[in-house]
C-alpha atoms as a PDB file:
ATOM      1  CA  UNK A   1     116.166 144.901 237.633  1.00  0.00           C
ATOM      2  CA  UNK A   2     116.120 141.548 235.851  1.00  0.00           C
ATOM      3  CA  UNK A   3     118.669 138.857 236.513  1.00  0.00           C
ATOM      4  CA  UNK A   4     120.915 137.645 233.743  1.00  0.00           C
ATOM      5  CA  UNK A   5     120.236 134.069 232.617  1.00  0.00           C
ATOM      6  CA  UNK A   6     122.122 131.410 234.525  1.00  0.00           C
ATOM      7  CA  UNK A   7     124.494 129.258 232.539  1.00  0.00           C
ATOM      8  CA  UNK A   8     124.032 125.576 233.413  1.00  0.00           C
ATOM      9  CA  UNK A   9     127.106 124.382 235.291  1.00  0.00           C
ATOM     10  CA  UNK A  10     126.457 120.653 235.237  1.00  0.00           C
ATOM     11  CA  UNK A  11     125.260 117.976 232.876  1.00  0.00           C
ATOM     12  CA  UNK A  12     122.023 117.640 234.892  1.00  0.00           C
ATOM     13  CA  UNK A  13     121.330 121.390 234.721  1.00  0.00           C
ATOM     14  CA  UNK A  14     122.141 121.428 231.006  1.00  0.00           C
ATOM     15  CA  UNK A  15     119.762 118.503 230.356  1.00  0.00           C
ATOM     16  CA  UNK A  16     117.007 120.259 232.349  1.00  0.00           C
ATOM     17  CA  UNK A  17     117.541 123.466 230.354  1.00  0.00           C
ATOM     18  CA  UNK A  18     117.407 121.551 227.072  1.00  0.00           C
ATOM     19  CA  UNK A  19     114.167 119.846 228.171  1.00  0.00           C
ATOM     20  CA  UNK A  20     112.581 123.212 229.033  1.00  0.00           C
ATOM     21  CA  UNK A  21     113.690 124.615 225.675  1.00  0.00           C
ATOM     22  CA  UNK A  22     112.184 121.632 223.809  1.00  0.00           C
ATOM     23  CA  UNK A  23     108.919 122.031 225.763  1.00  0.00           C
ATOM     24  CA  UNK A  24     108.794 125.742 224.887  1.00  0.00           C
ATOM     25  CA  UNK A  25     109.327 124.909 221.206  1.00  0.00           C
ATOM     26  CA  UNK A  26     106.496 122.319 221.324  1.00  0.00           C
ATOM     27  CA  UNK A  27     104.165 124.827 222.966  1.00  0.00           C
ATOM     28  CA  UNK A  28     105.020 127.445 220.348  1.00  0.00           C
ATOM     29  CA  UNK A  29     104.314 124.898 217.592  1.00  0.00           C
ATOM     30  CA  UNK A  30     100.912 123.999 219.145  1.00  0.00           C
ATOM     31  CA  UNK A  31      99.933 127.677 219.447  1.00  0.00           C
ATOM     32  CA  UNK A  32     100.885 128.297 215.824  1.00  0.00           C
ATOM     33  CA  UNK A  33      98.723 125.321 214.763  1.00  0.00           C
ATOM     34  CA  UNK A  34      95.751 126.599 216.810  1.00  0.00           C
ATOM     35  CA  UNK A  35      96.025 130.015 215.134  1.00  0.00           C
ATOM     36  CA  UNK A  36      96.112 128.324 211.751  1.00  0.00           C
ATOM     37  CA  UNK A  37      93.093 126.125 212.635  1.00  0.00           C
ATOM     38  CA  UNK A  38      90.942 129.158 213.537  1.00  0.00           C
ATOM     39  CA  UNK A  39      91.942 131.001 210.385  1.00  0.00           C
ATOM     40  CA  UNK A  40      91.185 128.003 208.145  1.00  0.00           C
ATOM     41  CA  UNK A  41      87.780 127.444 209.773  1.00  0.00           C
ATOM     42  CA  UNK A  42      86.776 131.055 209.229  1.00  0.00           C
ATOM     43  CA  UNK A  43      88.071 131.173 205.650  1.00  0.00           C
ATOM     44  CA  UNK A  44      85.948 128.108 204.855  1.00  0.00           C
ATOM     45  CA  UNK A  45      82.797 129.818 206.188  1.00  0.00           C
ATOM     46  CA  UNK A  46      83.485 133.364 204.942  1.00  0.00           C
ATOM     47  CA  UNK A  47      81.696 134.112 201.701  1.00  0.00           C
ATOM     48  CA  UNK A  48      79.302 131.163 202.051  1.00  0.00           C
ATOM     49  CA  UNK A  49      75.522 131.641 201.865  1.00  0.00           C
ATOM     50  CA  UNK A  50      75.291 130.966 205.617  1.00  0.00           C
ATOM     51  CA  UNK A  51      77.917 133.686 206.259  1.00  0.00           C
ATOM     52  CA  UNK A  52      76.046 136.207 204.067  1.00  0.00           C
ATOM     53  CA  UNK A  53      72.722 135.383 205.753  1.00  0.00           C
ATOM     54  CA  UNK A  54      74.169 135.640 209.244  1.00  0.00           C
ATOM     55  CA  UNK A  55      75.933 138.913 208.430  1.00  0.00           C
ATOM     56  CA  UNK A  56      72.760 140.576 207.097  1.00  0.00           C
ATOM     57  CA  UNK A  57      70.676 139.322 210.049  1.00  0.00           C
ATOM     58  CA  UNK A  58      73.316 140.564 212.502  1.00  0.00           C
ATOM     59  CA  UNK A  59      73.474 143.958 210.786  1.00  0.00           C
ATOM     60  CA  UNK A  60      69.713 144.262 211.205  1.00  0.00           C
ATOM     61  CA  UNK A  61      69.913 143.162 214.879  1.00  0.00           C
ATOM     62  CA  UNK A  62      72.544 145.835 215.473  1.00  0.00           C
ATOM     63  CA  UNK A  63      70.558 148.465 213.520  1.00  0.00           C
ATOM     64  CA  UNK A  64      73.559 148.780 211.194  1.00  0.00           C
ATOM     65  CA  UNK A  65      75.615 150.218 214.072  1.00  0.00           C
ATOM     66  CA  UNK A  66      79.140 149.143 214.984  1.00  0.00           C
ATOM     67  CA  UNK A  67      79.233 146.992 218.130  1.00  0.00           C
ATOM     68  CA  UNK A  68      82.288 148.941 219.329  1.00  0.00           C
ATOM     69  CA  UNK A  69      81.836 152.617 218.438  1.00  0.00           C
ATOM     70  CA  UNK A  70      78.133 152.712 217.411  1.00  0.00           C
ATOM     71  CA  UNK A  71      78.896 154.498 214.122  1.00  0.00           C
ATOM     72  CA  UNK A  72      76.283 153.957 211.410  1.00  0.00           C
ATOM     73  CA  UNK A  73      77.746 151.394 209.012  1.00  0.00           C
ATOM     74  CA  UNK A  74      77.252 150.951 205.302  1.00  0.00           C
ATOM     75  CA  UNK A  75      78.881 149.048 202.485  1.00  0.00           C
ATOM     76  CA  UNK A  76      81.622 150.986 200.776  1.00  0.00           C
ATOM     77  CA  UNK A  77      84.274 150.582 198.143  1.00  0.00           C
ATOM     78  CA  UNK A  78      87.222 148.217 198.438  1.00  0.00           C
ATOM     79  CA  UNK A  79      90.581 149.749 197.479  1.00  0.00           C
ATOM     80  CA  UNK A  80      93.247 147.280 196.397  1.00  0.00           C
ATOM     81  CA  UNK A  81      96.860 148.062 197.222  1.00  0.00           C
ATOM     82  CA  UNK A  82      99.909 147.223 195.125  1.00  0.00           C
ATOM     83  CA  UNK A  83     100.909 144.379 197.470  1.00  0.00           C
ATOM     84  CA  UNK A  84      97.532 142.631 196.993  1.00  0.00           C
ATOM     85  CA  UNK A  85      96.058 143.749 200.323  1.00  0.00           C
ATOM     86  CA  UNK A  86      92.960 145.896 200.374  1.00  0.00           C
ATOM     87  CA  UNK A  87      91.454 148.678 202.400  1.00  0.00           C
ATOM     88  CA  UNK A  88      87.779 149.237 203.153  1.00  0.00           C
ATOM     89  CA  UNK A  89      86.066 152.499 203.981  1.00  0.00           C
ATOM     90  CA  UNK A  90      86.123 153.027 207.781  1.00  0.00           C
ATOM     91  CA  UNK A  91      82.342 152.489 208.187  1.00  0.00           C
ATOM     92  CA  UNK A  92      82.268 149.250 206.140  1.00  0.00           C
ATOM     93  CA  UNK A  93      80.774 146.389 208.241  1.00  0.00           C
ATOM     94  CA  UNK A  94      83.086 143.508 209.089  1.00  0.00           C
ATOM     95  CA  UNK A  95      82.626 140.313 211.096  1.00  0.00           C
ATOM     96  CA  UNK A  96      84.486 140.550 214.394  1.00  0.00           C
ATOM     97  CA  UNK A  97      85.379 137.677 216.703  1.00  0.00           C
ATOM     98  CA  UNK A  98      84.922 138.881 220.275  1.00  0.00           C
ATOM     99  CA  UNK A  99      87.392 136.292 221.530  1.00  0.00           C
ATOM    100  CA  UNK A 100      90.059 136.088 218.783  1.00  0.00           C
ATOM    101  CA  UNK A 101      90.000 133.055 216.512  1.00  0.00           C
ATOM    102  CA  UNK A 102      93.794 132.863 216.771  1.00  0.00           C
ATOM    103  CA  UNK A 103      93.557 132.229 220.520  1.00  0.00           C
ATOM    104  CA  UNK A 104      90.155 130.472 220.661  1.00  0.00           C
ATOM    105  CA  UNK A 105      89.853 128.452 217.423  1.00  0.00           C
ATOM    106  CA  UNK A 106      86.953 126.370 218.802  1.00  0.00           C
ATOM    107  CA  UNK A 107      84.871 129.578 218.981  1.00  0.00           C
ATOM    108  CA  UNK A 108      85.685 130.626 215.414  1.00  0.00           C
ATOM    109  CA  UNK A 109      82.219 129.779 214.058  1.00  0.00           C
ATOM    110  CA  UNK A 110      80.289 130.212 217.328  1.00  0.00           C
ATOM    111  CA  UNK A 111      77.795 132.923 216.410  1.00  0.00           C
ATOM    112  CA  UNK A 112      77.625 134.076 220.030  1.00  0.00           C
ATOM    113  CA  UNK A 113      81.296 135.001 219.640  1.00  0.00           C
ATOM    114  CA  UNK A 114      80.622 137.124 216.537  1.00  0.00           C
ATOM    115  CA  UNK A 115      79.426 140.694 216.086  1.00  0.00           C
ATOM    116  CA  UNK A 116      79.608 143.241 213.311  1.00  0.00           C
ATOM    117  CA  UNK A 117      82.029 146.121 213.717  1.00  0.00           C
ATOM    118  CA  UNK A 118      83.123 148.853 211.372  1.00  0.00           C
ATOM    119  CA  UNK A 119      86.360 148.176 209.539  1.00  0.00           C
ATOM    120  CA  UNK A 120      88.169 150.881 211.543  1.00  0.00           C
ATOM    121  CA  UNK A 121      87.313 149.219 214.898  1.00  0.00           C
ATOM    122  CA  UNK A 122      88.058 145.721 213.585  1.00  0.00           C
ATOM    123  CA  UNK A 123      91.543 146.811 212.519  1.00  0.00           C
ATOM    124  CA  UNK A 124      92.217 148.404 215.916  1.00  0.00           C
ATOM    125  CA  UNK A 125      91.221 145.377 218.010  1.00  0.00           C
ATOM    126  CA  UNK A 126      93.464 142.690 216.518  1.00  0.00           C
ATOM    127  CA  UNK A 127      94.018 140.058 219.265  1.00  0.00           C
ATOM    128  CA  UNK A 128      93.599 142.538 222.127  1.00  0.00           C
ATOM    129  CA  UNK A 129      92.030 140.595 225.002  1.00  0.00           C
ATOM    130  CA  UNK A 130      91.207 143.780 226.959  1.00  0.00           C
ATOM    131  CA  UNK A 131      89.026 145.009 224.086  1.00  0.00           C
ATOM    132  CA  UNK A 132      87.525 141.540 223.715  1.00  0.00           C
ATOM    133  CA  UNK A 133      86.675 141.399 227.398  1.00  0.00           C
ATOM    134  CA  UNK A 134      85.127 144.879 227.369  1.00  0.00           C
ATOM    135  CA  UNK A 135      83.065 144.119 224.254  1.00  0.00           C
ATOM    136  CA  UNK A 136      81.861 140.774 225.654  1.00  0.00           C
ATOM    137  CA  UNK A 137      80.851 142.490 228.917  1.00  0.00           C
ATOM    138  CA  UNK A 138      78.901 145.180 227.058  1.00  0.00           C
ATOM    139  CA  UNK A 139      77.111 142.607 224.898  1.00  0.00           C
ATOM    140  CA  UNK A 140      76.105 140.612 227.975  1.00  0.00           C
ATOM    141  CA  UNK A 141      74.727 143.791 229.572  1.00  0.00           C
ATOM    142  CA  UNK A 142      72.837 144.468 226.322  1.00  0.00           C
ATOM    143  CA  UNK A 143      71.192 141.024 226.499  1.00  0.00           C
ATOM    144  CA  UNK A 144      70.054 141.729 230.061  1.00  0.00           C
ATOM    145  CA  UNK A 145      68.704 145.174 229.130  1.00  0.00           C
ATOM    146  CA  UNK A 146      67.833 145.131 225.384  1.00  0.00           C
ATOM    147  CA  UNK A 147      66.775 148.816 225.354  1.00  0.00           C
ATOM    148  CA  UNK A 148      70.272 149.950 226.317  1.00  0.00           C
ATOM    149  CA  UNK A 149      72.580 150.936 223.435  1.00  0.00           C
ATOM    150  CA  UNK A 150      75.935 149.163 223.113  1.00  0.00           C
ATOM    151  CA  UNK A 151      78.772 151.452 224.184  1.00  0.00           C
ATOM    152  CA  UNK A 152      82.278 150.392 225.026  1.00  0.00           C
ATOM    153  CA  UNK A 153      84.029 153.650 225.790  1.00  0.00           C
END
């Protein structure tokens, strides 16, 4: 059972609570900026010639198989929705950040932090650190034993 929050009963306690609140707001602001930094870095690289080259080389390295589910990938149609978003076919290859760019913006363009996954797996992962940890572990095992197929489930 959780305790109800304590109401500060003195000026000193109130000042301490206000300081903690201000620190929490600052931390939230810094985290929001880091998420924005990672997104901006990736958007600047995405679609560039370097991005296209890396993506095709990585697809070949992975034998056109998803790093998460091992499904055979292939380029498919993009379906645009009324709100401007789009959907890709489930097997469409997408660039996946093993450690999320929103939490690790300095690794946004680190190619050792990137793999190709199918669109379906990419959408499922989001910022899930458990999935990121499992995928990173499997990729490290793959580097140690290159004849082993990547499997995460």
